Amino acid sequence: MNRNITLSTYENNVLLFKNITTALFEDNFLTYHTDNDTIKINLQTFSFTKENNDTFLKITKNKCYLNVKELNKTLEIPIEYLDFIYNNDEIIIEYKLISQENNLKIVIEIGSEINEL
């Protein structure tokens, strides 16, 4: 089912941007698109993937992998901190990779179902 969502991205609790878009909820996965990326979140076991033309990033509870497509190289990046909260109308993902200076937080507010004919 398609739903309206509001995405807010924070770095060190400072709002970087806010976007309203649609997402597909299917088989415990939430999938949505930004201007350049396709994001897929496993809501049951938690994994977060972000893919674009250049890279593929996958974060799980224990590991983070970054694949640079042009080089066909995958790096494992240690996770310093990860928190994942999911309830019926909100998803919060907060994490800090060892390579980041500040933590990132993504808040997804889940809106109404979009009726399609």
PDB file of N, CA and C in Angstrom:
ATOM      1  N   MET A   1       0.826  -1.167   0.000  1.00  0.00           N
ATOM      2  CA  MET A   1       0.000   0.000   0.000  1.00  0.00           C
ATOM      3  C   MET A   1       0.876   1.237   0.000  1.00  0.00           C
ATOM      4  N   ASN A   2       0.457   2.259  -0.705  1.00  0.00           N
ATOM      5  CA  ASN A   2       1.181   3.524  -0.759  1.00  0.00           C
ATOM      6  C   ASN A   2       0.681   4.453   0.342  1.00  0.00           C
ATOM      7  N   ARG A   3       1.633   5.146   0.961  1.00  0.00           N
ATOM      8  CA  ARG A   3       1.295   6.077   2.041  1.00  0.00           C
ATOM      9  C   ARG A   3       2.047   7.382   1.828  1.00  0.00           C
ATOM     10  N   ASN A   4       1.457   8.467   2.280  1.00  0.00           N
ATOM     11  CA  ASN A   4       2.168   9.737   2.341  1.00  0.00           C
ATOM     12  C   ASN A   4       3.133   9.684   3.513  1.00  0.00           C
ATOM     13  N   ILE A   5       4.335  10.212   3.338  1.00  0.00           N
ATOM     14  CA  ILE A   5       5.293  10.286   4.441  1.00  0.00           C
ATOM     15  C   ILE A   5       5.955  11.658   4.452  1.00  0.00           C
ATOM     16  N   THR A   6       6.355  12.076   5.644  1.00  0.00           N
ATOM     17  CA  THR A   6       7.142  13.280   5.813  1.00  0.00           C
ATOM     18  C   THR A   6       8.492  12.860   6.369  1.00  0.00           C
ATOM     19  N   LEU A   7       9.549  13.210   5.651  1.00  0.00           N
ATOM     20  CA  LEU A   7      10.913  12.853   6.035  1.00  0.00           C
ATOM     21  C   LEU A   7      11.611  14.074   6.609  1.00  0.00           C
ATOM     22  N   SER A   8      12.204  13.907   7.764  1.00  0.00           N
ATOM     23  CA  SER A   8      13.019  14.965   8.360  1.00  0.00           C
ATOM     24  C   SER A   8      14.385  14.363   8.669  1.00  0.00           C
ATOM     25  N   THR A   9      15.430  15.028   8.210  1.00  0.00           N
ATOM     26  CA  THR A   9      16.788  14.551   8.448  1.00  0.00           C
ATOM     27  C   THR A   9      17.529  15.571   9.291  1.00  0.00           C
ATOM     28  N   TYR A  10      18.137  15.065  10.358  1.00  0.00           N
ATOM     29  CA  TYR A  10      18.846  15.912  11.314  1.00  0.00           C
ATOM     30  C   TYR A  10      20.304  15.477  11.414  1.00  0.00           C
ATOM     31  N   GLU A  11      21.185  16.439  11.592  1.00  0.00           N
ATOM     32  CA  GLU A  11      22.562  16.148  11.947  1.00  0.00           C
ATOM     33  C   GLU A  11      22.842  16.854  13.262  1.00  0.00           C
ATOM     34  N   ASN A  12      23.219  16.066  14.266  1.00  0.00           N
ATOM     35  CA  ASN A  12      23.475  16.608  15.599  1.00  0.00           C
ATOM     36  C   ASN A  12      22.281  17.427  16.098  1.00  0.00           C
ATOM     37  N   ASN A  13      21.066  16.904  15.846  1.00  0.00           N
ATOM     38  CA  ASN A  13      19.785  17.500  16.246  1.00  0.00           C
ATOM     39  C   ASN A  13      19.465  18.830  15.573  1.00  0.00           C
ATOM     40  N   VAL A  14      20.119  19.133  14.473  1.00  0.00           N
ATOM     41  CA  VAL A  14      19.817  20.320  13.677  1.00  0.00           C
ATOM     42  C   VAL A  14      19.160  19.844  12.383  1.00  0.00           C
ATOM     43  N   LEU A  15      17.969  20.365  12.088  1.00  0.00           N
ATOM     44  CA  LEU A  15      17.241  19.963  10.895  1.00  0.00           C
ATOM     45  C   LEU A  15      18.012  20.364   9.643  1.00  0.00           C
ATOM     46  N   LEU A  16      18.335  19.368   8.810  1.00  0.00           N
ATOM     47  CA  LEU A  16      19.018  19.637   7.544  1.00  0.00           C
ATOM     48  C   LEU A  16      18.017  19.860   6.422  1.00  0.00           C
ATOM     49  N   PHE A  17      17.010  18.994   6.349  1.00  0.00           N
ATOM     50  CA  PHE A  17      15.959  19.179   5.364  1.00  0.00           C
ATOM     51  C   PHE A  17      14.727  18.375   5.746  1.00  0.00           C
ATOM     52  N   LYS A  18      13.612  18.790   5.153  1.00  0.00           N
ATOM     53  CA  LYS A  18      12.324  18.134   5.378  1.00  0.00           C
ATOM     54  C   LYS A  18      11.677  17.963   4.018  1.00  0.00           C
ATOM     55  N   ASN A  19      11.100  16.791   3.787  1.00  0.00           N
ATOM     56  CA  ASN A  19      10.544  16.479   2.485  1.00  0.00           C
ATOM     57  C   ASN A  19       9.260  15.678   2.668  1.00  0.00           C
ATOM     58  N   ILE A  20       8.288  15.926   1.821  1.00  0.00           N
ATOM     59  CA  ILE A  20       7.047  15.153   1.811  1.00  0.00           C
ATOM     60  C   ILE A  20       7.026  14.361   0.516  1.00  0.00           C
ATOM     61  N   THR A  21       6.775  13.057   0.625  1.00  0.00           N
ATOM     62  CA  THR A  21       6.770  12.188  -0.545  1.00  0.00           C
ATOM     63  C   THR A  21       5.837  11.015  -0.285  1.00  0.00           C
ATOM     64  N   THR A  22       5.864  10.038  -1.158  1.00  0.00           N
ATOM     65  CA  THR A  22       5.076   8.827  -0.956  1.00  0.00           C
ATOM     66  C   THR A  22       6.014   7.639  -0.780  1.00  0.00           C
ATOM     67  N   ALA A  23       5.530   6.635  -0.085  1.00  0.00           N
ATOM     68  CA  ALA A  23       6.314   5.425   0.159  1.00  0.00           C
ATOM     69  C   ALA A  23       5.428   4.217  -0.056  1.00  0.00           C
ATOM     70  N   LEU A  24       6.061   3.128  -0.397  1.00  0.00           N
ATOM     71  CA  LEU A  24       5.378   1.857  -0.562  1.00  0.00           C
ATOM     72  C   LEU A  24       5.658   0.990   0.648  1.00  0.00           C
ATOM     73  N   PHE A  25       4.600   0.506   1.310  1.00  0.00           N
ATOM     74  CA  PHE A  25       4.701  -0.450   2.406  1.00  0.00           C
ATOM     75  C   PHE A  25       4.317  -1.815   1.850  1.00  0.00           C
ATOM     76  N   GLU A  26       5.271  -2.758   1.905  1.00  0.00           N
ATOM     77  CA  GLU A  26       5.000  -4.078   1.361  1.00  0.00           C
ATOM     78  C   GLU A  26       5.899  -5.100   2.043  1.00  0.00           C
ATOM     79  N   ASP A  27       5.296  -6.159   2.597  1.00  0.00           N
ATOM     80  CA  ASP A  27       6.032  -7.274   3.210  1.00  0.00           C
ATOM     81  C   ASP A  27       7.084  -6.796   4.224  1.00  0.00           C
ATOM     82  N   ASN A  28       6.687  -5.975   5.169  1.00  0.00           N
ATOM     83  CA  ASN A  28       7.569  -5.441   6.220  1.00  0.00           C
ATOM     84  C   ASN A  28       8.691  -4.543   5.704  1.00  0.00           C
ATOM     85  N   PHE A  29       8.537  -4.010   4.507  1.00  0.00           N
ATOM     86  CA  PHE A  29       9.509  -3.084   3.955  1.00  0.00           C
ATOM     87  C   PHE A  29       8.837  -1.759   3.635  1.00  0.00           C
ATOM     88  N   LEU A  30       9.567  -0.681   3.851  1.00  0.00           N
ATOM     89  CA  LEU A  30       9.165   0.660   3.433  1.00  0.00           C
ATOM     90  C   LEU A  30      10.167   1.080   2.370  1.00  0.00           C
ATOM     91  N   THR A  31       9.667   1.495   1.215  1.00  0.00           N
ATOM     92  CA  THR A  31      10.534   1.934   0.125  1.00  0.00           C
ATOM     93  C   THR A  31      10.070   3.306  -0.342  1.00  0.00           C
ATOM     94  N   TYR A  32      11.047   4.214  -0.506  1.00  0.00           N
ATOM     95  CA  TYR A  32      10.733   5.531  -1.042  1.00  0.00           C
ATOM     96  C   TYR A  32      11.923   6.050  -1.841  1.00  0.00           C
ATOM     97  N   HIS A  33      11.669   7.100  -2.600  1.00  0.00           N
ATOM     98  CA  HIS A  33      12.693   7.670  -3.474  1.00  0.00           C
ATOM     99  C   HIS A  33      12.892   9.144  -3.132  1.00  0.00           C
ATOM    100  N   THR A  34      14.142   9.572  -3.191  1.00  0.00           N
ATOM    101  CA  THR A  34      14.468  10.995  -3.114  1.00  0.00           C
ATOM    102  C   THR A  34      14.915  11.414  -4.508  1.00  0.00           C
ATOM    103  N   ASP A  35      15.441  12.618  -4.645  1.00  0.00           N
ATOM    104  CA  ASP A  35      15.889  13.075  -5.964  1.00  0.00           C
ATOM    105  C   ASP A  35      16.918  12.127  -6.583  1.00  0.00           C
ATOM    106  N   ASN A  36      17.825  11.597  -5.756  1.00  0.00           N
ATOM    107  CA  ASN A  36      18.915  10.780  -6.282  1.00  0.00           C
ATOM    108  C   ASN A  36      18.958   9.354  -5.754  1.00  0.00           C
ATOM    109  N   ASP A  37      18.249   9.065  -4.683  1.00  0.00           N
ATOM    110  CA  ASP A  37      18.413   7.802  -3.980  1.00  0.00           C
ATOM    111  C   ASP A  37      17.121   6.997  -3.907  1.00  0.00           C
ATOM    112  N   THR A  38      17.292   5.684  -3.795  1.00  0.00           N
ATOM    113  CA  THR A  38      16.200   4.783  -3.446  1.00  0.00           C
ATOM    114  C   THR A  38      16.511   4.251  -2.055  1.00  0.00           C
ATOM    115  N   ILE A  39      15.579   4.425  -1.139  1.00  0.00           N
ATOM    116  CA  ILE A  39      15.744   4.017   0.252  1.00  0.00           C
ATOM    117  C   ILE A  39      14.803   2.853   0.523  1.00  0.00           C
ATOM    118  N   LYS A  40      15.326   1.819   1.198  1.00  0.00           N
ATOM    119  CA  LYS A  40      14.503   0.667   1.575  1.00  0.00           C
ATOM    120  C   LYS A  40      14.831   0.318   3.022  1.00  0.00           C
ATOM    121  N   ILE A  41      13.781   0.215   3.847  1.00  0.00           N
ATOM    122  CA  ILE A  41      13.945  -0.074   5.270  1.00  0.00           C
ATOM    123  C   ILE A  41      13.172  -1.342   5.602  1.00  0.00           C
ATOM    124  N   ASN A  42      13.870  -2.302   6.196  1.00  0.00           N
ATOM    125  CA  ASN A  42      13.220  -3.505   6.694  1.00  0.00           C
ATOM    126  C   ASN A  42      12.686  -3.163   8.080  1.00  0.00           C
ATOM    127  N   LEU A  43      11.377  -3.153   8.231  1.00  0.00           N
ATOM    128  CA  LEU A  43      10.746  -2.725   9.476  1.00  0.00           C
ATOM    129  C   LEU A  43      10.704  -3.815  10.534  1.00  0.00           C
ATOM    130  N   GLN A  44      10.930  -5.047  10.143  1.00  0.00           N
ATOM    131  CA  GLN A  44      10.865  -6.153  11.099  1.00  0.00           C
ATOM    132  C   GLN A  44      12.227  -6.425  11.743  1.00  0.00           C
ATOM    133  N   THR A  45      13.240  -6.624  10.946  1.00  0.00           N
ATOM    134  CA  THR A  45      14.561  -6.977  11.493  1.00  0.00           C
ATOM    135  C   THR A  45      15.531  -5.809  11.461  1.00  0.00           C
ATOM    136  N   PHE A  46      15.170  -4.716  10.920  1.00  0.00           N
ATOM    137  CA  PHE A  46      15.908  -3.505  10.673  1.00  0.00           C
ATOM    138  C   PHE A  46      17.128  -3.697   9.777  1.00  0.00           C
ATOM    139  N   SER A  47      17.002  -3.136   8.638  1.00  0.00           N
ATOM    140  CA  SER A  47      18.128  -2.829   7.774  1.00  0.00           C
ATOM    141  C   SER A  47      17.718  -1.580   7.006  1.00  0.00           C
ATOM    142  N   PHE A  48      18.701  -0.775   6.670  1.00  0.00           N
ATOM    143  CA  PHE A  48      18.491   0.485   5.969  1.00  0.00           C
ATOM    144  C   PHE A  48      19.418   0.461   4.768  1.00  0.00           C
ATOM    145  N   THR A  49      18.856   0.563   3.570  1.00  0.00           N
ATOM    146  CA  THR A  49      19.692   0.628   2.379  1.00  0.00           C
ATOM    147  C   THR A  49      19.389   1.907   1.621  1.00  0.00           C
ATOM    148  N   LYS A  50      20.446   2.462   1.063  1.00  0.00           N
ATOM    149  CA  LYS A  50      20.336   3.667   0.242  1.00  0.00           C
ATOM    150  C   LYS A  50      21.178   3.437  -0.999  1.00  0.00           C
ATOM    151  N   GLU A  51      20.525   3.504  -2.150  1.00  0.00           N
ATOM    152  CA  GLU A  51      21.235   3.233  -3.399  1.00  0.00           C
ATOM    153  C   GLU A  51      21.029   4.389  -4.369  1.00  0.00           C
ATOM    154  N   ASN A  52      22.115   4.725  -5.056  1.00  0.00           N
ATOM    155  CA  ASN A  52      22.056   5.694  -6.144  1.00  0.00           C
ATOM    156  C   ASN A  52      22.975   5.205  -7.260  1.00  0.00           C
ATOM    157  N   ASN A  53      23.237   6.033  -8.239  1.00  0.00           N
ATOM    158  CA  ASN A  53      24.068   5.611  -9.371  1.00  0.00           C
ATOM    159  C   ASN A  53      25.503   5.298  -8.976  1.00  0.00           C
ATOM    160  N   ASP A  54      25.991   5.900  -7.901  1.00  0.00           N
ATOM    161  CA  ASP A  54      27.398   5.779  -7.524  1.00  0.00           C
ATOM    162  C   ASP A  54      27.668   4.800  -6.393  1.00  0.00           C
ATOM    163  N   THR A  55      26.739   4.710  -5.422  1.00  0.00           N
ATOM    164  CA  THR A  55      27.016   3.934  -4.217  1.00  0.00           C
ATOM    165  C   THR A  55      25.810   3.118  -3.774  1.00  0.00           C
ATOM    166  N   PHE A  56      26.115   2.143  -2.930  1.00  0.00           N
ATOM    167  CA  PHE A  56      25.093   1.353  -2.257  1.00  0.00           C
ATOM    168  C   PHE A  56      25.507   1.276  -0.791  1.00  0.00           C
ATOM    169  N   LEU A  57      24.672   1.813   0.098  1.00  0.00           N
ATOM    170  CA  LEU A  57      24.943   1.820   1.536  1.00  0.00           C
ATOM    171  C   LEU A  57      23.944   0.894   2.211  1.00  0.00           C
ATOM    172  N   LYS A  58      24.439  -0.004   3.068  1.00  0.00           N
ATOM    173  CA  LYS A  58      23.557  -0.877   3.830  1.00  0.00           C
ATOM    174  C   LYS A  58      23.973  -0.829   5.295  1.00  0.00           C
ATOM    175  N   ILE A  59      22.996  -0.505   6.162  1.00  0.00           N
ATOM    176  CA  ILE A  59      23.219  -0.468   7.601  1.00  0.00           C
ATOM    177  C   ILE A  59      22.288  -1.486   8.238  1.00  0.00           C
ATOM    178  N   THR A  60      22.854  -2.352   9.067  1.00  0.00           N
ATOM    179  CA  THR A  60      22.066  -3.285   9.865  1.00  0.00           C
ATOM    180  C   THR A  60      22.360  -2.971  11.330  1.00  0.00           C
ATOM    181  N   LYS A  61      21.791  -3.739  12.226  1.00  0.00           N
ATOM    182  CA  LYS A  61      22.019  -3.493  13.650  1.00  0.00           C
ATOM    183  C   LYS A  61      23.487  -3.639  14.029  1.00  0.00           C
ATOM    184  N   ASN A  62      24.236  -4.430  13.266  1.00  0.00           N
ATOM    185  CA  ASN A  62      25.621  -4.733  13.633  1.00  0.00           C
ATOM    186  C   ASN A  62      26.675  -4.224  12.675  1.00  0.00           C
ATOM    187  N   LYS A  63      26.306  -3.930  11.449  1.00  0.00           N
ATOM    188  CA  LYS A  63      27.309  -3.621  10.439  1.00  0.00           C
ATOM    189  C   LYS A  63      26.834  -2.542   9.482  1.00  0.00           C
ATOM    190  N   CYS A  64      27.803  -1.911   8.849  1.00  0.00           N
ATOM    191  CA  CYS A  64      27.526  -0.959   7.783  1.00  0.00           C
ATOM    192  C   CYS A  64      28.472  -1.262   6.632  1.00  0.00           C
ATOM    193  N   TYR A  65      27.908  -1.329   5.432  1.00  0.00           N
ATOM    194  CA  TYR A  65      28.706  -1.569   4.238  1.00  0.00           C
ATOM    195  C   TYR A  65      28.446  -0.462   3.233  1.00  0.00           C
ATOM    196  N   LEU A  66      29.514  -0.008   2.612  1.00  0.00           N
ATOM    197  CA  LEU A  66      29.413   0.981   1.544  1.00  0.00           C
ATOM    198  C   LEU A  66      30.103   0.407   0.319  1.00  0.00           C
ATOM    199  N   ASN A  67      29.339   0.274  -0.758  1.00  0.00           N
ATOM    200  CA  ASN A  67      29.896  -0.205  -2.015  1.00  0.00           C
ATOM    201  C   ASN A  67      29.985   0.965  -2.973  1.00  0.00           C
ATOM    202  N   VAL A  68      31.190   1.196  -3.492  1.00  0.00           N
ATOM    203  CA  VAL A  68      31.411   2.215  -4.523  1.00  0.00           C
ATOM    204  C   VAL A  68      31.349   1.486  -5.856  1.00  0.00           C
ATOM    205  N   LYS A  69      30.295   1.729  -6.601  1.00  0.00           N
ATOM    206  CA  LYS A  69      30.007   0.935  -7.791  1.00  0.00           C
ATOM    207  C   LYS A  69      31.089   1.055  -8.863  1.00  0.00           C
ATOM    208  N   GLU A  70      31.566   2.254  -9.110  1.00  0.00           N
ATOM    209  CA  GLU A  70      32.566   2.459 -10.157  1.00  0.00           C
ATOM    210  C   GLU A  70      33.843   1.661  -9.884  1.00  0.00           C
ATOM    211  N   LEU A  71      34.211   1.554  -8.627  1.00  0.00           N
ATOM    212  CA  LEU A  71      35.427   0.825  -8.248  1.00  0.00           C
ATOM    213  C   LEU A  71      35.160  -0.640  -7.949  1.00  0.00           C
ATOM    214  N   ASN A  72      33.882  -0.989  -7.825  1.00  0.00           N
ATOM    215  CA  ASN A  72      33.473  -2.339  -7.423  1.00  0.00           C
ATOM    216  C   ASN A  72      34.174  -2.749  -6.122  1.00  0.00           C
ATOM    217  N   LYS A  73      34.190  -1.820  -5.176  1.00  0.00           N
ATOM    218  CA  LYS A  73      34.825  -2.049  -3.872  1.00  0.00           C
ATOM    219  C   LYS A  73      33.802  -1.837  -2.769  1.00  0.00           C
ATOM    220  N   THR A  74      33.847  -2.708  -1.773  1.00  0.00           N
ATOM    221  CA  THR A  74      32.960  -2.594  -0.621  1.00  0.00           C
ATOM    222  C   THR A  74      33.791  -2.373   0.629  1.00  0.00           C
ATOM    223  N   LEU A  75      33.405  -1.380   1.400  1.00  0.00           N
ATOM    224  CA  LEU A  75      34.065  -1.069   2.656  1.00  0.00           C
ATOM    225  C   LEU A  75      33.124  -1.382   3.810  1.00  0.00           C
ATOM    226  N   GLU A  76      33.660  -1.956   4.862  1.00  0.00           N
ATOM    227  CA  GLU A  76      32.876  -2.118   6.076  1.00  0.00           C
ATOM    228  C   GLU A  76      33.225  -0.960   6.992  1.00  0.00           C
ATOM    229  N   ILE A  77      32.199  -0.245   7.441  1.00  0.00           N
ATOM    230  CA  ILE A  77      32.392   0.931   8.294  1.00  0.00           C
ATOM    231  C   ILE A  77      31.813   0.613   9.667  1.00  0.00           C
ATOM    232  N   PRO A  78      32.611   0.689  10.712  1.00  0.00           N
ATOM    233  CA  PRO A  78      32.091   0.394  12.054  1.00  0.00           C
ATOM    234  C   PRO A  78      30.991   1.377  12.469  1.00  0.00           C
ATOM    235  N   ILE A  79      30.004   0.841  13.168  1.00  0.00           N
ATOM    236  CA  ILE A  79      28.903   1.649  13.693  1.00  0.00           C
ATOM    237  C   ILE A  79      29.223   2.004  15.134  1.00  0.00           C
ATOM    238  N   GLU A  80      29.235   3.292  15.408  1.00  0.00           N
ATOM    239  CA  GLU A  80      29.472   3.745  16.773  1.00  0.00           C
ATOM    240  C   GLU A  80      28.189   3.735  17.594  1.00  0.00           C
ATOM    241  N   TYR A  81      27.066   4.066  16.945  1.00  0.00           N
ATOM    242  CA  TYR A  81      25.792   4.169  17.651  1.00  0.00           C
ATOM    243  C   TYR A  81      24.668   3.915  16.656  1.00  0.00           C
ATOM    244  N   LEU A  82      23.622   3.172  17.083  1.00  0.00           N
ATOM    245  CA  LEU A  82      22.453   2.937  16.249  1.00  0.00           C
ATOM    246  C   LEU A  82      21.232   2.768  17.135  1.00  0.00           C
ATOM    247  N   ASP A  83      20.152   3.478  16.771  1.00  0.00           N
ATOM    248  CA  ASP A  83      18.877   3.324  17.452  1.00  0.00           C
ATOM    249  C   ASP A  83      17.786   3.306  16.384  1.00  0.00           C
ATOM    250  N   PHE A  84      16.863   2.353  16.501  1.00  0.00           N
ATOM    251  CA  PHE A  84      15.773   2.210  15.551  1.00  0.00           C
ATOM    252  C   PHE A  84      14.478   2.046  16.326  1.00  0.00           C
ATOM    253  N   ILE A  85      13.512   2.935  16.048  1.00  0.00           N
ATOM    254  CA  ILE A  85      12.201   2.882  16.691  1.00  0.00           C
ATOM    255  C   ILE A  85      11.148   2.891  15.584  1.00  0.00           C
ATOM    256  N   TYR A  86      10.200   1.950  15.680  1.00  0.00           N
ATOM    257  CA  TYR A  86       9.114   1.904  14.710  1.00  0.00           C
ATOM    258  C   TYR A  86       7.811   1.665  15.448  1.00  0.00           C
ATOM    259  N   ASN A  87       6.863   2.580  15.232  1.00  0.00           N
ATOM    260  CA  ASN A  87       5.497   2.342  15.667  1.00  0.00           C
ATOM    261  C   ASN A  87       4.598   2.614  14.463  1.00  0.00           C
ATOM    262  N   ASN A  88       3.333   2.579  14.618  1.00  0.00           N
ATOM    263  CA  ASN A  88       2.420   2.645  13.473  1.00  0.00           C
ATOM    264  C   ASN A  88       2.487   3.932  12.666  1.00  0.00           C
ATOM    265  N   ASP A  89       2.857   5.039  13.286  1.00  0.00           N
ATOM    266  CA  ASP A  89       2.840   6.292  12.536  1.00  0.00           C
ATOM    267  C   ASP A  89       4.171   7.036  12.523  1.00  0.00           C
ATOM    268  N   GLU A  90       5.239   6.370  12.974  1.00  0.00           N
ATOM    269  CA  GLU A  90       6.538   7.046  12.970  1.00  0.00           C
ATOM    270  C   GLU A  90       7.685   6.030  12.995  1.00  0.00           C
ATOM    271  N   ILE A  91       8.727   6.354  12.252  1.00  0.00           N
ATOM    272  CA  ILE A  91       9.970   5.589  12.253  1.00  0.00           C
ATOM    273  C   ILE A  91      11.082   6.569  12.589  1.00  0.00           C
ATOM    274  N   ILE A  92      11.938   6.185  13.530  1.00  0.00           N
ATOM    275  CA  ILE A  92      13.091   7.010  13.869  1.00  0.00           C
ATOM    276  C   ILE A  92      14.341   6.139  13.757  1.00  0.00           C
ATOM    277  N   ILE A  93      15.262   6.586  12.936  1.00  0.00           N
ATOM    278  CA  ILE A  93      16.550   5.913  12.780  1.00  0.00           C
ATOM    279  C   ILE A  93      17.618   6.939  13.142  1.00  0.00           C
ATOM    280  N   GLU A  94      18.403   6.613  14.141  1.00  0.00           N
ATOM    281  CA  GLU A  94      19.493   7.501  14.533  1.00  0.00           C
ATOM    282  C   GLU A  94      20.768   6.687  14.573  1.00  0.00           C
ATOM    283  N   TYR A  95      21.810   7.198  13.937  1.00  0.00           N
ATOM    284  CA  TYR A  95      23.053   6.445  13.895  1.00  0.00           C
ATOM    285  C   TYR A  95      24.258   7.365  13.757  1.00  0.00           C
ATOM    286  N   LYS A  96      25.391   6.810  14.134  1.00  0.00           N
ATOM    287  CA  LYS A  96      26.671   7.482  13.944  1.00  0.00           C
ATOM    288  C   LYS A  96      27.673   6.426  13.534  1.00  0.00           C
ATOM    289  N   LEU A  97      28.197   6.603  12.348  1.00  0.00           N
ATOM    290  CA  LEU A  97      29.264   5.727  11.887  1.00  0.00           C
ATOM    291  C   LEU A  97      30.585   6.273  12.405  1.00  0.00           C
ATOM    292  N   ILE A  98      31.554   5.420  12.556  1.00  0.00           N
ATOM    293  CA  ILE A  98      32.857   5.838  13.076  1.00  0.00           C
ATOM    294  C   ILE A  98      33.479   6.919  12.181  1.00  0.00           C
ATOM    295  N   SER A  99      33.111   6.929  10.919  1.00  0.00           N
ATOM    296  CA  SER A  99      33.657   7.893   9.964  1.00  0.00           C
ATOM    297  C   SER A  99      32.942   9.246   9.978  1.00  0.00           C
ATOM    298  N   GLN A 100      31.869   9.369  10.760  1.00  0.00           N
ATOM    299  CA  GLN A 100      31.099  10.616  10.805  1.00  0.00           C
ATOM    300  C   GLN A 100      31.499  11.448  12.014  1.00  0.00           C
ATOM    301  N   GLU A 101      31.429  12.734  11.837  1.00  0.00           N
ATOM    302  CA  GLU A 101      31.700  13.634  12.947  1.00  0.00           C
ATOM    303  C   GLU A 101      30.502  13.733  13.889  1.00  0.00           C
ATOM    304  N   ASN A 102      29.297  13.746  13.320  1.00  0.00           N
ATOM    305  CA  ASN A 102      28.074  13.898  14.112  1.00  0.00           C
ATOM    306  C   ASN A 102      27.084  12.773  13.804  1.00  0.00           C
ATOM    307  N   ASN A 103      26.151  12.568  14.734  1.00  0.00           N
ATOM    308  CA  ASN A 103      25.123  11.567  14.489  1.00  0.00           C
ATOM    309  C   ASN A 103      24.087  12.099  13.505  1.00  0.00           C
ATOM    310  N   LEU A 104      23.460  11.192  12.777  1.00  0.00           N
ATOM    311  CA  LEU A 104      22.375  11.509  11.862  1.00  0.00           C
ATOM    312  C   LEU A 104      21.097  10.889  12.386  1.00  0.00           C
ATOM    313  N   LYS A 105      20.000  11.603  12.205  1.00  0.00           N
ATOM    314  CA  LYS A 105      18.702  11.079  12.613  1.00  0.00           C
ATOM    315  C   LYS A 105      17.725  11.312  11.478  1.00  0.00           C
ATOM    316  N   ILE A 106      16.994  10.248  11.134  1.00  0.00           N
ATOM    317  CA  ILE A 106      15.958  10.317  10.115  1.00  0.00           C
ATOM    318  C   ILE A 106      14.635  10.023  10.813  1.00  0.00           C
ATOM    319  N   VAL A 107      13.701  10.958  10.700  1.00  0.00           N
ATOM    320  CA  VAL A 107      12.373  10.785  11.274  1.00  0.00           C
ATOM    321  C   VAL A 107      11.387  10.709  10.113  1.00  0.00           C
ATOM    322  N   ILE A 108      10.643   9.614  10.071  1.00  0.00           N
ATOM    323  CA  ILE A 108       9.657   9.405   9.012  1.00  0.00           C
ATOM    324  C   ILE A 108       8.287   9.374   9.668  1.00  0.00           C
ATOM    325  N   GLU A 109       7.492  10.392   9.368  1.00  0.00           N
ATOM    326  CA  GLU A 109       6.122  10.456   9.869  1.00  0.00           C
ATOM    327  C   GLU A 109       5.221   9.848   8.793  1.00  0.00           C
ATOM    328  N   ILE A 110       4.469   8.841   9.181  1.00  0.00           N
ATOM    329  CA  ILE A 110       3.656   8.092   8.231  1.00  0.00           C
ATOM    330  C   ILE A 110       2.245   8.653   8.222  1.00  0.00           C
ATOM    331  N   GLY A 111       1.839   9.105   7.054  1.00  0.00           N
ATOM    332  CA  GLY A 111       0.524   9.710   6.915  1.00  0.00           C
ATOM    333  C   GLY A 111      -0.500   8.736   6.386  1.00  0.00           C
ATOM    334  N   SER A 112      -1.476   9.275   5.745  1.00  0.00           N
ATOM    335  CA  SER A 112      -2.621   8.488   5.290  1.00  0.00           C
ATOM    336  C   SER A 112      -2.281   7.621   4.089  1.00  0.00           C
ATOM    337  N   GLU A 113      -3.119   6.598   3.938  1.00  0.00           N
ATOM    338  CA  GLU A 113      -2.991   5.712   2.784  1.00  0.00           C
ATOM    339  C   GLU A 113      -3.473   6.463   1.550  1.00  0.00           C
ATOM    340  N   ILE A 114      -2.789   6.217   0.446  1.00  0.00           N
ATOM    341  CA  ILE A 114      -3.172   6.836  -0.827  1.00  0.00           C
ATOM    342  C   ILE A 114      -4.048   5.841  -1.567  1.00  0.00           C
ATOM    343  N   ASN A 115      -5.252   6.272  -1.870  1.00  0.00           N
ATOM    344  CA  ASN A 115      -6.179   5.393  -2.595  1.00  0.00           C
ATOM    345  C   ASN A 115      -5.879   5.468  -4.071  1.00  0.00           C
ATOM    346  N   GLU A 116      -5.631   4.315  -4.652  1.00  0.00           N
ATOM    347  CA  GLU A 116      -5.367   4.262  -6.091  1.00  0.00           C
ATOM    348  C   GLU A 116      -6.498   3.501  -6.761  1.00  0.00           C
ATOM    349  N   LEU A 117      -6.851   3.937  -7.940  1.00  0.00           N
ATOM    350  CA  LEU A 117      -7.919   3.284  -8.704  1.00  0.00           C
ATOM    351  C   LEU A 117      -7.352   2.202  -9.585  1.00  0.00           C
TER     352      LEU A 117
END
